[in-house]
Amino acid sequence: MSQNVMATDTQNAQGIQHKKNAAILAVIGLFFAGPIFGILALWQASKASSFGAKATGWMVLAVIDILCGVIMAVAILG
């Protein structure tokens, strides 16, 4: 029984760490290299979700980073 609780605590801690990483990457992506940091934030947020941590907001912000970066690149290069 205690091994099951330890496994759950470890998974929860890993999920929270991935969620924090997603938050940091998504916020950086708002200001610098949106598509790159957006993709990394999306990856970390999906890993957090697989460990049971809710990271939906960070996923949305990551997609916004990617879209804004692509729109800016098209506007500059277009």
N, C-alpha and C. Protein backbone atom coordinates (compact mmCIF):
# COMPACT_ATOMS: atom_id res chain seq x y z
N MET A 1 0.82 -1.19 0.00
CA MET A 1 0.00 0.00 0.00
C MET A 1 0.86 1.25 0.00
N SER A 2 1.93 1.27 0.80
CA SER A 2 2.76 2.48 0.87
C SER A 2 3.52 2.70 -0.44
N GLN A 3 3.85 1.64 -1.16
CA GLN A 3 4.52 1.80 -2.45
C GLN A 3 3.60 2.47 -3.46
N ASN A 4 2.32 2.14 -3.39
CA ASN A 4 1.35 2.77 -4.28
C ASN A 4 1.23 4.25 -3.99
N VAL A 5 1.23 4.63 -2.72
CA VAL A 5 1.14 6.04 -2.34
C VAL A 5 2.40 6.77 -2.77
N MET A 6 3.57 6.13 -2.61
CA MET A 6 4.82 6.77 -3.02
C MET A 6 4.86 6.97 -4.52
N ALA A 7 4.38 6.02 -5.29
CA ALA A 7 4.36 6.15 -6.74
C ALA A 7 3.45 7.30 -7.15
N THR A 8 2.29 7.44 -6.49
CA THR A 8 1.37 8.51 -6.79
C THR A 8 1.98 9.86 -6.44
N ASP A 9 2.66 9.95 -5.29
CA ASP A 9 3.30 11.20 -4.90
C ASP A 9 4.41 11.59 -5.87
N THR A 10 5.17 10.61 -6.31
CA THR A 10 6.24 10.88 -7.27
C THR A 10 5.67 11.35 -8.60
N GLN A 11 4.61 10.70 -9.06
CA GLN A 11 3.98 11.12 -10.31
C GLN A 11 3.41 12.52 -10.18
N ASN A 12 2.79 12.82 -9.05
CA ASN A 12 2.22 14.14 -8.84
C ASN A 12 3.32 15.19 -8.82
N ALA A 13 4.43 14.90 -8.17
CA ALA A 13 5.54 15.84 -8.13
C ALA A 13 6.12 16.06 -9.52
N GLN A 14 6.23 15.00 -10.31
CA GLN A 14 6.72 15.15 -11.67
C GLN A 14 5.76 15.97 -12.52
N GLY A 15 4.47 15.73 -12.34
CA GLY A 15 3.47 16.51 -13.08
C GLY A 15 3.53 17.98 -12.75
N ILE A 16 3.69 18.28 -11.46
CA ILE A 16 3.79 19.68 -11.04
C ILE A 16 5.05 20.33 -11.60
N GLN A 17 6.16 19.58 -11.63
CA GLN A 17 7.40 20.13 -12.19
C GLN A 17 7.25 20.41 -13.69
N HIS A 18 6.62 19.51 -14.41
CA HIS A 18 6.40 19.74 -15.85
C HIS A 18 5.45 20.92 -16.06
N LYS A 19 4.49 21.08 -15.17
CA LYS A 19 3.56 22.21 -15.26
C LYS A 19 4.30 23.53 -15.04
N LYS A 20 5.22 23.56 -14.07
CA LYS A 20 6.03 24.77 -13.84
C LYS A 20 6.91 25.07 -15.05
N ASN A 21 7.50 24.02 -15.62
CA ASN A 21 8.33 24.22 -16.81
C ASN A 21 7.50 24.78 -17.96
N ALA A 22 6.30 24.28 -18.13
CA ALA A 22 5.41 24.77 -19.18
C ALA A 22 5.07 26.24 -18.95
N ALA A 23 4.83 26.60 -17.71
CA ALA A 23 4.51 27.99 -17.39
C ALA A 23 5.67 28.92 -17.74
N ILE A 24 6.87 28.54 -17.34
CA ILE A 24 8.05 29.36 -17.62
C ILE A 24 8.26 29.51 -19.12
N LEU A 25 8.20 28.39 -19.83
CA LEU A 25 8.43 28.42 -21.28
C LEU A 25 7.35 29.22 -22.01
N ALA A 26 6.11 29.08 -21.59
CA ALA A 26 5.01 29.80 -22.25
C ALA A 26 5.12 31.30 -22.04
N VAL A 27 5.49 31.73 -20.84
CA VAL A 27 5.62 33.16 -20.57
C VAL A 27 6.82 33.72 -21.33
N ILE A 28 7.92 33.01 -21.38
CA ILE A 28 9.08 33.46 -22.17
C ILE A 28 8.69 33.56 -23.64
N GLY A 29 7.89 32.62 -24.11
CA GLY A 29 7.46 32.61 -25.49
C GLY A 29 6.62 33.81 -25.88
N LEU A 30 5.99 34.46 -24.91
CA LEU A 30 5.22 35.67 -25.21
C LEU A 30 6.13 36.81 -25.67
N PHE A 31 7.36 36.81 -25.17
CA PHE A 31 8.25 37.94 -25.41
C PHE A 31 9.40 37.63 -26.36
N PHE A 32 9.74 36.34 -26.52
CA PHE A 32 10.93 36.01 -27.28
C PHE A 32 10.76 34.64 -27.94
N ALA A 33 10.95 34.58 -29.25
CA ALA A 33 10.94 33.32 -29.99
C ALA A 33 9.70 32.47 -29.68
N GLY A 34 8.54 33.05 -29.91
CA GLY A 34 7.27 32.39 -29.60
C GLY A 34 7.10 30.99 -30.11
N PRO A 35 7.36 30.73 -31.40
CA PRO A 35 7.14 29.36 -31.89
C PRO A 35 8.03 28.32 -31.21
N ILE A 36 9.28 28.68 -30.96
CA ILE A 36 10.20 27.72 -30.33
C ILE A 36 9.78 27.43 -28.89
N PHE A 37 9.60 28.49 -28.11
CA PHE A 37 9.21 28.30 -26.72
C PHE A 37 7.78 27.79 -26.60
N GLY A 38 6.93 28.14 -27.55
CA GLY A 38 5.56 27.64 -27.56
C GLY A 38 5.50 26.13 -27.73
N ILE A 39 6.32 25.63 -28.65
CA ILE A 39 6.37 24.18 -28.87
C ILE A 39 6.91 23.47 -27.63
N LEU A 40 7.95 24.04 -27.04
CA LEU A 40 8.51 23.43 -25.82
C LEU A 40 7.50 23.48 -24.67
N ALA A 41 6.77 24.59 -24.55
CA ALA A 41 5.76 24.71 -23.49
C ALA A 41 4.62 23.72 -23.72
N LEU A 42 4.23 23.55 -24.97
CA LEU A 42 3.17 22.59 -25.29
C LEU A 42 3.61 21.17 -24.94
N TRP A 43 4.85 20.86 -25.23
CA TRP A 43 5.41 19.55 -24.89
C TRP A 43 5.41 19.33 -23.38
N GLN A 44 5.85 20.32 -22.61
CA GLN A 44 5.89 20.18 -21.15
C GLN A 44 4.48 20.11 -20.56
N ALA A 45 3.56 20.88 -21.11
CA ALA A 45 2.18 20.86 -20.61
C ALA A 45 1.53 19.50 -20.88
N SER A 46 1.83 18.92 -22.03
CA SER A 46 1.25 17.60 -22.31
C SER A 46 1.86 16.53 -21.41
N LYS A 47 3.16 16.66 -21.09
CA LYS A 47 3.77 15.73 -20.15
C LYS A 47 3.14 15.90 -18.76
N ALA A 48 2.87 17.14 -18.36
CA ALA A 48 2.24 17.39 -17.07
C ALA A 48 0.86 16.74 -17.03
N SER A 49 0.12 16.86 -18.11
CA SER A 49 -1.21 16.25 -18.17
C SER A 49 -1.13 14.73 -18.09
N SER A 50 -0.10 14.16 -18.68
CA SER A 50 0.03 12.70 -18.62
C SER A 50 0.35 12.22 -17.21
N PHE A 51 0.93 13.09 -16.38
CA PHE A 51 1.19 12.75 -14.99
C PHE A 51 0.03 13.14 -14.07
N GLY A 52 -1.03 13.71 -14.63
CA GLY A 52 -2.21 14.01 -13.85
C GLY A 52 -2.32 15.44 -13.38
N ALA A 53 -1.38 16.30 -13.74
CA ALA A 53 -1.46 17.72 -13.36
C ALA A 53 -2.22 18.47 -14.46
N LYS A 54 -3.11 19.36 -14.06
CA LYS A 54 -3.88 20.12 -15.04
C LYS A 54 -3.03 21.28 -15.55
N ALA A 55 -2.78 21.29 -16.84
CA ALA A 55 -1.96 22.34 -17.45
C ALA A 55 -2.65 22.91 -18.69
N THR A 56 -3.97 22.93 -18.68
CA THR A 56 -4.73 23.37 -19.84
C THR A 56 -4.45 24.83 -20.19
N GLY A 57 -4.36 25.67 -19.19
CA GLY A 57 -4.08 27.08 -19.42
C GLY A 57 -2.74 27.31 -20.09
N TRP A 58 -1.76 26.53 -19.67
CA TRP A 58 -0.42 26.67 -20.26
C TRP A 58 -0.40 26.11 -21.68
N MET A 59 -1.23 25.11 -21.95
CA MET A 59 -1.35 24.61 -23.32
C MET A 59 -1.93 25.68 -24.23
N VAL A 60 -2.95 26.37 -23.73
CA VAL A 60 -3.58 27.43 -24.52
C VAL A 60 -2.58 28.55 -24.78
N LEU A 61 -1.84 28.96 -23.76
CA LEU A 61 -0.85 30.01 -23.92
C LEU A 61 0.25 29.58 -24.89
N ALA A 62 0.63 28.32 -24.86
CA ALA A 62 1.64 27.80 -25.78
C ALA A 62 1.14 27.89 -27.22
N VAL A 63 -0.10 27.56 -27.46
CA VAL A 63 -0.67 27.65 -28.81
C VAL A 63 -0.73 29.11 -29.26
N ILE A 64 -1.08 30.00 -28.33
CA ILE A 64 -1.08 31.44 -28.65
C ILE A 64 0.32 31.90 -29.01
N ASP A 65 1.33 31.45 -28.26
CA ASP A 65 2.72 31.78 -28.59
C ASP A 65 3.06 31.36 -30.01
N ILE A 66 2.71 30.13 -30.35
CA ILE A 66 3.03 29.60 -31.68
C ILE A 66 2.32 30.41 -32.77
N LEU A 67 1.03 30.65 -32.58
CA LEU A 67 0.27 31.39 -33.59
C LEU A 67 0.76 32.82 -33.76
N CYS A 68 1.02 33.50 -32.66
CA CYS A 68 1.51 34.88 -32.75
C CYS A 68 2.88 34.93 -33.41
N GLY A 69 3.74 33.99 -33.10
CA GLY A 69 5.06 33.95 -33.72
C GLY A 69 4.97 33.71 -35.22
N VAL A 70 4.09 32.82 -35.63
CA VAL A 70 3.92 32.54 -37.06
C VAL A 70 3.34 33.76 -37.77
N ILE A 71 2.34 34.40 -37.16
CA ILE A 71 1.75 35.59 -37.75
C ILE A 71 2.78 36.71 -37.89
N MET A 72 3.58 36.91 -36.87
CA MET A 72 4.63 37.95 -36.95
C MET A 72 5.65 37.61 -38.02
N ALA A 73 6.03 36.35 -38.13
CA ALA A 73 7.01 35.95 -39.16
C ALA A 73 6.44 36.17 -40.55
N VAL A 74 5.17 35.85 -40.76
CA VAL A 74 4.55 36.07 -42.06
C VAL A 74 4.46 37.57 -42.36
N ALA A 75 4.14 38.36 -41.35
CA ALA A 75 4.03 39.80 -41.54
C ALA A 75 5.39 40.42 -41.88
N ILE A 76 6.44 39.95 -41.24
CA ILE A 76 7.78 40.50 -41.48
C ILE A 76 8.32 40.03 -42.84
N LEU A 77 8.16 38.75 -43.11
CA LEU A 77 8.73 38.19 -44.34
C LEU A 77 7.81 38.35 -45.54
N GLY A 78 6.52 38.55 -45.26
CA GLY A 78 5.54 38.58 -46.32
C GLY A 78 5.62 39.77 -47.19
